[in-house]
Amino acid sequence: MKKHLFALSHLILLLIITSCEESKIETAQDIVNASITFHDPENKWKSLNAEFVFQSKFEFNDSVPEELHININVQNNNFRYTNLDRKVDISYSQDSCIVNQGNTNCNSYAWTKNFYTYIWGLPMKLNDPGTTINPNFTLDTIQKIPVYTVSVPYHDENYQFYFHQKTYELKFFQFIKNNETGHGEFITLSEIYEHNGIKFPKHKRWEQLSSRELIGTNEVLSIIKGK
């Protein structure tokens, strides 16, 4: 009898704890904060200096896998883009740029700094100053995964982020351009590659939002200390 009472009281306590944890989620900002706690529990993104080595493959007729080395120094706002297959190597700082290798110029690859810093910095980048997170959220299911859907509007695109309802891991995101093209893409994140206490997605799958036609894939080969 005592064993049954103990088991019952333990179950009730577990239900109370679970209920309290779920009740903490009142706004989309709560979900984002919980996801950041999952991905970056020690708040190390702000001081990150790391080199992301990954293979990128696009589904174009003449496309071949490319090995990229992306060095992100968050604290010093330095960034280095290296594409071994295209033989391009460019370094960007706060207000300057150096072409280390390649028959190119700084403007041609200027987009890479903000793009890759944002993509690799998710979901931490959602707490950047000036970011507006829609306070409302919805509960959805994508690829049989229960997710919270959070909307974040930017000047050029509207983003939606999908967080696992139990772990708060960022599982998917999509964006739609705010222009006449209305171009959109849907990105699936899978597996975890942990570096310096931060959980990054190992695989990214990029699809056309409207047709779900495959655009390309990224796979992390390694993440090492930055230069």
C-alpha atoms as a PDB file:
ATOM      1  CA  MET A   1       0.000   0.000   0.000  1.00  0.00           C
ATOM      2  CA  LYS A   2       2.803   2.394   0.926  1.00  0.00           C
ATOM      3  CA  LYS A   3       4.530   1.669  -2.382  1.00  0.00           C
ATOM      4  CA  HIS A   4       1.364   2.567  -4.284  1.00  0.00           C
ATOM      5  CA  LEU A   5       0.950   5.782  -2.282  1.00  0.00           C
ATOM      6  CA  PHE A   6       4.590   6.711  -2.922  1.00  0.00           C
ATOM      7  CA  ALA A   7       4.228   6.047  -6.643  1.00  0.00           C
ATOM      8  CA  LEU A   8       1.009   8.071  -6.758  1.00  0.00           C
ATOM      9  CA  SER A   9       2.518  11.009  -4.874  1.00  0.00           C
ATOM     10  CA  HIS A  10       5.597  10.917  -7.140  1.00  0.00           C
ATOM     11  CA  LEU A  11       3.344  10.993 -10.233  1.00  0.00           C
ATOM     12  CA  ILE A  12       1.357  13.918  -8.862  1.00  0.00           C
ATOM     13  CA  LEU A  13       4.559  15.816  -8.086  1.00  0.00           C
ATOM     14  CA  LEU A  14       5.868  15.131 -11.592  1.00  0.00           C
ATOM     15  CA  LEU A  15       2.630  16.415 -13.122  1.00  0.00           C
ATOM     16  CA  ILE A  16       2.796  19.567 -10.997  1.00  0.00           C
ATOM     17  CA  ILE A  17       6.413  20.236 -12.025  1.00  0.00           C
ATOM     18  CA  THR A  18       5.607  19.624 -15.701  1.00  0.00           C
ATOM     19  CA  SER A  19       2.566  21.887 -15.484  1.00  0.00           C
ATOM     20  CA  CYS A  20       4.645  24.659 -13.883  1.00  0.00           C
ATOM     21  CA  GLU A  21       7.335  24.377 -16.566  1.00  0.00           C
ATOM     22  CA  GLU A  22       4.753  24.570 -19.347  1.00  0.00           C
ATOM     23  CA  SER A  23       3.008  27.504 -17.688  1.00  0.00           C
ATOM     24  CA  LYS A  24       6.205  29.524 -17.978  1.00  0.00           C
ATOM     25  CA  ILE A  25       5.672  29.687 -21.749  1.00  0.00           C
ATOM     26  CA  GLU A  26       3.374  32.651 -22.187  1.00  0.00           C
ATOM     27  CA  THR A  27       4.875  34.470 -25.163  1.00  0.00           C
ATOM     28  CA  ALA A  28       7.056  33.719 -28.177  1.00  0.00           C
ATOM     29  CA  GLN A  29       9.946  35.445 -26.398  1.00  0.00           C
ATOM     30  CA  ASP A  30       9.725  32.767 -23.687  1.00  0.00           C
ATOM     31  CA  ILE A  31      10.121  30.093 -26.358  1.00  0.00           C
ATOM     32  CA  VAL A  32      13.116  31.855 -27.913  1.00  0.00           C
ATOM     33  CA  ASN A  33      14.753  32.225 -24.499  1.00  0.00           C
ATOM     34  CA  ALA A  34      14.174  28.543 -23.747  1.00  0.00           C
ATOM     35  CA  SER A  35      15.704  27.593 -27.099  1.00  0.00           C
ATOM     36  CA  ILE A  36      18.758  29.747 -26.444  1.00  0.00           C
ATOM     37  CA  THR A  37      19.132  28.015 -23.069  1.00  0.00           C
ATOM     38  CA  PHE A  38      19.070  24.667 -24.909  1.00  0.00           C
ATOM     39  CA  HIS A  39      21.549  25.657 -27.630  1.00  0.00           C
ATOM     40  CA  ASP A  40      23.837  27.956 -25.627  1.00  0.00           C
ATOM     41  CA  PRO A  41      23.353  27.159 -21.922  1.00  0.00           C
ATOM     42  CA  GLU A  42      26.566  28.917 -20.862  1.00  0.00           C
ATOM     43  CA  ASN A  43      25.987  32.049 -22.965  1.00  0.00           C
ATOM     44  CA  LYS A  44      29.189  31.533 -24.965  1.00  0.00           C
ATOM     45  CA  TRP A  45      27.975  32.761 -28.365  1.00  0.00           C
ATOM     46  CA  LYS A  46      28.801  36.383 -27.520  1.00  0.00           C
ATOM     47  CA  SER A  47      32.490  35.535 -27.099  1.00  0.00           C
ATOM     48  CA  LEU A  48      32.688  32.866 -29.809  1.00  0.00           C
ATOM     49  CA  ASN A  49      35.721  32.712 -32.076  1.00  0.00           C
ATOM     50  CA  ALA A  50      35.371  29.590 -34.196  1.00  0.00           C
ATOM     51  CA  GLU A  51      36.026  28.227 -37.672  1.00  0.00           C
ATOM     52  CA  PHE A  52      33.127  26.298 -39.206  1.00  0.00           C
ATOM     53  CA  VAL A  53      34.282  23.746 -41.759  1.00  0.00           C
ATOM     54  CA  PHE A  54      31.411  22.371 -43.813  1.00  0.00           C
ATOM     55  CA  GLN A  55      30.513  20.925 -47.175  1.00  0.00           C
ATOM     56  CA  SER A  56      27.957  22.785 -49.246  1.00  0.00           C
ATOM     57  CA  LYS A  57      26.215  21.214 -52.231  1.00  0.00           C
ATOM     58  CA  PHE A  58      23.651  22.890 -54.487  1.00  0.00           C
ATOM     59  CA  GLU A  59      21.285  21.020 -56.782  1.00  0.00           C
ATOM     60  CA  PHE A  60      22.334  22.847 -59.939  1.00  0.00           C
ATOM     61  CA  ASN A  61      23.242  20.900 -63.060  1.00  0.00           C
ATOM     62  CA  ASP A  62      26.900  21.929 -62.926  1.00  0.00           C
ATOM     63  CA  SER A  63      27.221  22.107 -59.143  1.00  0.00           C
ATOM     64  CA  VAL A  64      29.809  20.100 -57.257  1.00  0.00           C
ATOM     65  CA  PRO A  65      30.304  19.875 -53.467  1.00  0.00           C
ATOM     66  CA  GLU A  66      32.308  22.780 -52.089  1.00  0.00           C
ATOM     67  CA  GLU A  67      34.305  22.887 -48.864  1.00  0.00           C
ATOM     68  CA  LEU A  68      33.885  26.150 -46.977  1.00  0.00           C
ATOM     69  CA  HIS A  69      35.775  27.496 -43.972  1.00  0.00           C
ATOM     70  CA  ILE A  70      33.864  30.250 -42.171  1.00  0.00           C
ATOM     71  CA  ASN A  71      35.689  31.989 -39.328  1.00  0.00           C
ATOM     72  CA  ILE A  72      33.342  33.953 -37.044  1.00  0.00           C
ATOM     73  CA  ASN A  73      34.718  36.142 -34.274  1.00  0.00           C
ATOM     74  CA  VAL A  74      31.574  37.502 -32.644  1.00  0.00           C
ATOM     75  CA  GLN A  75      33.219  39.689 -30.021  1.00  0.00           C
ATOM     76  CA  ASN A  76      35.568  41.476 -32.427  1.00  0.00           C
ATOM     77  CA  ASN A  77      33.075  41.476 -35.328  1.00  0.00           C
ATOM     78  CA  ASN A  78      35.645  39.822 -37.604  1.00  0.00           C
ATOM     79  CA  PHE A  79      34.709  37.349 -40.311  1.00  0.00           C
ATOM     80  CA  ARG A  80      36.635  35.290 -42.841  1.00  0.00           C
ATOM     81  CA  TYR A  81      35.160  33.459 -45.822  1.00  0.00           C
ATOM     82  CA  THR A  82      37.233  30.737 -47.471  1.00  0.00           C
ATOM     83  CA  ASN A  83      35.983  28.556 -50.327  1.00  0.00           C
ATOM     84  CA  LEU A  84      38.639  25.958 -51.108  1.00  0.00           C
ATOM     85  CA  ASP A  85      37.048  24.825 -54.367  1.00  0.00           C
ATOM     86  CA  ARG A  86      36.565  28.323 -55.787  1.00  0.00           C
ATOM     87  CA  LYS A  87      39.930  29.407 -54.387  1.00  0.00           C
ATOM     88  CA  VAL A  88      38.435  32.445 -52.673  1.00  0.00           C
ATOM     89  CA  ASP A  89      39.625  33.774 -49.309  1.00  0.00           C
ATOM     90  CA  ILE A  90      38.364  37.126 -47.977  1.00  0.00           C
ATOM     91  CA  SER A  91      38.619  38.684 -44.514  1.00  0.00           C
ATOM     92  CA  TYR A  92      36.119  41.262 -43.224  1.00  0.00           C
ATOM     93  CA  SER A  93      36.462  43.393 -40.122  1.00  0.00           C
ATOM     94  CA  GLN A  94      34.281  46.148 -38.719  1.00  0.00           C
ATOM     95  CA  ASP A  95      35.214  48.661 -41.433  1.00  0.00           C
ATOM     96  CA  SER A  96      37.683  46.993 -43.788  1.00  0.00           C
ATOM     97  CA  CYS A  97      38.162  44.029 -46.095  1.00  0.00           C
ATOM     98  CA  ILE A  98      41.157  42.124 -47.454  1.00  0.00           C
ATOM     99  CA  VAL A  99      41.128  39.739 -50.418  1.00  0.00           C
ATOM    100  CA  ASN A 100      43.630  37.078 -49.367  1.00  0.00           C
ATOM    101  CA  GLN A 101      43.105  34.899 -52.427  1.00  0.00           C
ATOM    102  CA  GLY A 102      41.043  34.890 -55.600  1.00  0.00           C
ATOM    103  CA  ASN A 103      40.266  36.989 -58.628  1.00  0.00           C
ATOM    104  CA  THR A 104      37.391  38.819 -56.946  1.00  0.00           C
ATOM    105  CA  ASN A 105      36.559  41.877 -54.866  1.00  0.00           C
ATOM    106  CA  CYS A 106      35.161  42.608 -51.431  1.00  0.00           C
ATOM    107  CA  ASN A 107      31.704  43.596 -52.660  1.00  0.00           C
ATOM    108  CA  SER A 108      31.114  40.268 -54.390  1.00  0.00           C
ATOM    109  CA  TYR A 109      31.183  38.355 -51.096  1.00  0.00           C
ATOM    110  CA  ALA A 110      30.128  41.090 -48.660  1.00  0.00           C
ATOM    111  CA  TRP A 111      26.779  39.314 -48.131  1.00  0.00           C
ATOM    112  CA  THR A 112      28.518  36.293 -46.611  1.00  0.00           C
ATOM    113  CA  LYS A 113      29.404  38.039 -43.342  1.00  0.00           C
ATOM    114  CA  ASN A 114      25.873  38.829 -42.188  1.00  0.00           C
ATOM    115  CA  PHE A 115      24.371  35.733 -43.794  1.00  0.00           C
ATOM    116  CA  TYR A 116      26.629  33.103 -42.229  1.00  0.00           C
ATOM    117  CA  THR A 117      26.894  34.890 -38.886  1.00  0.00           C
ATOM    118  CA  TYR A 118      23.101  34.920 -38.702  1.00  0.00           C
ATOM    119  CA  ILE A 119      22.585  31.337 -39.861  1.00  0.00           C
ATOM    120  CA  TRP A 120      25.196  29.853 -37.530  1.00  0.00           C
ATOM    121  CA  GLY A 121      24.128  32.144 -34.711  1.00  0.00           C
ATOM    122  CA  LEU A 122      20.543  30.920 -34.522  1.00  0.00           C
ATOM    123  CA  PRO A 123      18.644  30.987 -32.260  1.00  0.00           C
ATOM    124  CA  MET A 124      20.945  33.316 -30.275  1.00  0.00           C
ATOM    125  CA  LYS A 125      20.752  35.997 -32.985  1.00  0.00           C
ATOM    126  CA  LEU A 126      17.032  36.372 -32.340  1.00  0.00           C
ATOM    127  CA  ASN A 127      17.892  38.351 -29.223  1.00  0.00           C
ATOM    128  CA  ASP A 128      19.967  40.896 -31.156  1.00  0.00           C
ATOM    129  CA  PRO A 129      19.031  44.542 -30.510  1.00  0.00           C
ATOM    130  CA  GLY A 130      16.319  45.730 -32.862  1.00  0.00           C
ATOM    131  CA  THR A 131      14.848  42.291 -33.497  1.00  0.00           C
ATOM    132  CA  THR A 132      11.061  42.218 -33.198  1.00  0.00           C
ATOM    133  CA  ILE A 133       9.561  38.899 -32.145  1.00  0.00           C
ATOM    134  CA  ASN A 134       5.826  38.549 -32.631  1.00  0.00           C
ATOM    135  CA  PRO A 135       4.569  37.834 -29.084  1.00  0.00           C
ATOM    136  CA  ASN A 136       1.980  35.323 -30.329  1.00  0.00           C
ATOM    137  CA  PHE A 137       2.888  31.757 -31.229  1.00  0.00           C
ATOM    138  CA  THR A 138       1.103  28.653 -32.493  1.00  0.00           C
ATOM    139  CA  LEU A 139       1.404  24.933 -31.849  1.00  0.00           C
ATOM    140  CA  ASP A 140       1.968  22.928 -35.013  1.00  0.00           C
ATOM    141  CA  THR A 141       3.319  19.598 -36.231  1.00  0.00           C
ATOM    142  CA  ILE A 142       5.978  19.403 -38.948  1.00  0.00           C
ATOM    143  CA  GLN A 143       7.353  16.090 -40.184  1.00  0.00           C
ATOM    144  CA  LYS A 144       5.628  14.443 -37.190  1.00  0.00           C
ATOM    145  CA  ILE A 145       7.492  16.728 -34.770  1.00  0.00           C
ATOM    146  CA  PRO A 146       5.396  18.896 -32.406  1.00  0.00           C
ATOM    147  CA  VAL A 147       6.723  22.451 -32.659  1.00  0.00           C
ATOM    148  CA  TYR A 148       6.113  25.988 -31.472  1.00  0.00           C
ATOM    149  CA  THR A 149       5.904  28.393 -34.428  1.00  0.00           C
ATOM    150  CA  VAL A 150       7.388  31.840 -33.826  1.00  0.00           C
ATOM    151  CA  SER A 151       7.288  34.728 -36.329  1.00  0.00           C
ATOM    152  CA  VAL A 152      10.048  37.313 -36.691  1.00  0.00           C
ATOM    153  CA  PRO A 153       9.613  40.116 -39.258  1.00  0.00           C
ATOM    154  CA  TYR A 154      12.643  41.871 -40.744  1.00  0.00           C
ATOM    155  CA  HIS A 155      12.819  44.682 -43.268  1.00  0.00           C
ATOM    156  CA  ASP A 156      13.673  42.419 -46.221  1.00  0.00           C
ATOM    157  CA  GLU A 157      12.204  39.079 -45.139  1.00  0.00           C
ATOM    158  CA  ASN A 158       9.646  37.534 -42.832  1.00  0.00           C
ATOM    159  CA  TYR A 159      10.919  34.547 -40.878  1.00  0.00           C
ATOM    160  CA  GLN A 160       9.172  31.727 -39.079  1.00  0.00           C
ATOM    161  CA  PHE A 161      11.033  29.519 -36.630  1.00  0.00           C
ATOM    162  CA  TYR A 162       9.921  26.108 -35.425  1.00  0.00           C
ATOM    163  CA  PHE A 163      11.039  24.909 -31.991  1.00  0.00           C
ATOM    164  CA  HIS A 164      10.562  21.425 -30.546  1.00  0.00           C
ATOM    165  CA  GLN A 165       7.794  21.602 -27.955  1.00  0.00           C
ATOM    166  CA  LYS A 166       9.670  19.468 -25.412  1.00  0.00           C
ATOM    167  CA  THR A 167      13.356  20.342 -25.819  1.00  0.00           C
ATOM    168  CA  TYR A 168      13.043  23.785 -27.508  1.00  0.00           C
ATOM    169  CA  GLU A 169      15.648  22.739 -30.060  1.00  0.00           C
ATOM    170  CA  LEU A 170      15.378  24.772 -33.276  1.00  0.00           C
ATOM    171  CA  LYS A 171      14.226  22.167 -35.823  1.00  0.00           C
ATOM    172  CA  PHE A 172      13.160  24.203 -38.883  1.00  0.00           C
ATOM    173  CA  PHE A 173      12.895  27.749 -40.153  1.00  0.00           C
ATOM    174  CA  GLN A 174      11.660  29.495 -43.267  1.00  0.00           C
ATOM    175  CA  PHE A 175      11.729  32.948 -44.805  1.00  0.00           C
ATOM    176  CA  ILE A 176       9.782  34.857 -47.449  1.00  0.00           C
ATOM    177  CA  LYS A 177      11.207  37.889 -49.252  1.00  0.00           C
ATOM    178  CA  ASN A 178       9.343  41.169 -48.870  1.00  0.00           C
ATOM    179  CA  ASN A 179       9.534  42.065 -52.544  1.00  0.00           C
ATOM    180  CA  GLU A 180       7.731  41.386 -55.798  1.00  0.00           C
ATOM    181  CA  THR A 181       9.300  37.926 -56.145  1.00  0.00           C
ATOM    182  CA  GLY A 182       7.929  36.615 -52.854  1.00  0.00           C
ATOM    183  CA  HIS A 183      10.737  34.053 -52.956  1.00  0.00           C
ATOM    184  CA  GLY A 184      10.853  31.792 -49.947  1.00  0.00           C
ATOM    185  CA  GLU A 185      12.926  28.924 -48.609  1.00  0.00           C
ATOM    186  CA  PHE A 186      12.352  26.230 -45.982  1.00  0.00           C
ATOM    187  CA  ILE A 187      15.324  24.898 -44.008  1.00  0.00           C
ATOM    188  CA  THR A 188      15.404  21.634 -42.062  1.00  0.00           C
ATOM    189  CA  LEU A 189      18.000  21.257 -39.308  1.00  0.00           C
ATOM    190  CA  SER A 190      19.093  17.842 -38.074  1.00  0.00           C
ATOM    191  CA  GLU A 191      21.561  16.295 -35.648  1.00  0.00           C
ATOM    192  CA  ILE A 192      23.695  18.251 -33.228  1.00  0.00           C
ATOM    193  CA  TYR A 193      27.367  19.217 -33.470  1.00  0.00           C
ATOM    194  CA  GLU A 194      28.541  20.603 -30.152  1.00  0.00           C
ATOM    195  CA  HIS A 195      31.455  23.022 -29.908  1.00  0.00           C
ATOM    196  CA  ASN A 196      32.545  24.907 -26.817  1.00  0.00           C
ATOM    197  CA  GLY A 197      29.250  24.134 -25.108  1.00  0.00           C
ATOM    198  CA  ILE A 198      27.108  25.432 -27.989  1.00  0.00           C
ATOM    199  CA  LYS A 199      24.804  23.057 -29.880  1.00  0.00           C
ATOM    200  CA  PHE A 200      24.897  23.745 -33.623  1.00  0.00           C
ATOM    201  CA  PRO A 201      22.938  21.848 -36.307  1.00  0.00           C
ATOM    202  CA  LYS A 202      25.150  19.393 -38.176  1.00  0.00           C
ATOM    203  CA  HIS A 203      22.951  19.212 -41.269  1.00  0.00           C
ATOM    204  CA  LYS A 204      20.898  21.838 -43.094  1.00  0.00           C
ATOM    205  CA  ARG A 205      18.556  21.012 -45.946  1.00  0.00           C
ATOM    206  CA  TRP A 206      17.380  23.967 -48.070  1.00  0.00           C
ATOM    207  CA  GLU A 207      14.171  23.729 -50.107  1.00  0.00           C
ATOM    208  CA  GLN A 208      12.032  26.049 -52.200  1.00  0.00           C
ATOM    209  CA  LEU A 209       9.164  27.059 -49.937  1.00  0.00           C
ATOM    210  CA  SER A 210       6.448  26.852 -52.591  1.00  0.00           C
ATOM    211  CA  SER A 211       7.424  23.590 -54.292  1.00  0.00           C
ATOM    212  CA  ARG A 212       9.662  22.007 -51.638  1.00  0.00           C
ATOM    213  CA  GLU A 213      12.142  21.359 -54.428  1.00  0.00           C
ATOM    214  CA  LEU A 214      15.616  20.716 -53.031  1.00  0.00           C
ATOM    215  CA  ILE A 215      18.019  23.660 -53.355  1.00  0.00           C
ATOM    216  CA  GLY A 216      21.030  22.311 -51.505  1.00  0.00           C
ATOM    217  CA  THR A 217      22.513  20.856 -48.351  1.00  0.00           C
ATOM    218  CA  ASN A 218      25.186  21.741 -45.800  1.00  0.00           C
ATOM    219  CA  GLU A 219      27.044  19.281 -43.598  1.00  0.00           C
ATOM    220  CA  VAL A 220      29.412  20.255 -40.801  1.00  0.00           C
ATOM    221  CA  LEU A 221      32.783  18.508 -41.097  1.00  0.00           C
ATOM    222  CA  SER A 222      34.323  20.138 -38.044  1.00  0.00           C
ATOM    223  CA  ILE A 223      34.206  23.235 -35.862  1.00  0.00           C
ATOM    224  CA  ILE A 224      37.539  24.325 -34.468  1.00  0.00           C
ATOM    225  CA  LYS A 225      38.989  27.256 -32.568  1.00  0.00           C
ATOM    226  CA  GLY A 226      39.107  30.382 -34.680  1.00  0.00           C
ATOM    227  CA  LYS A 227      42.238  32.097 -35.895  1.00  0.00           C
END
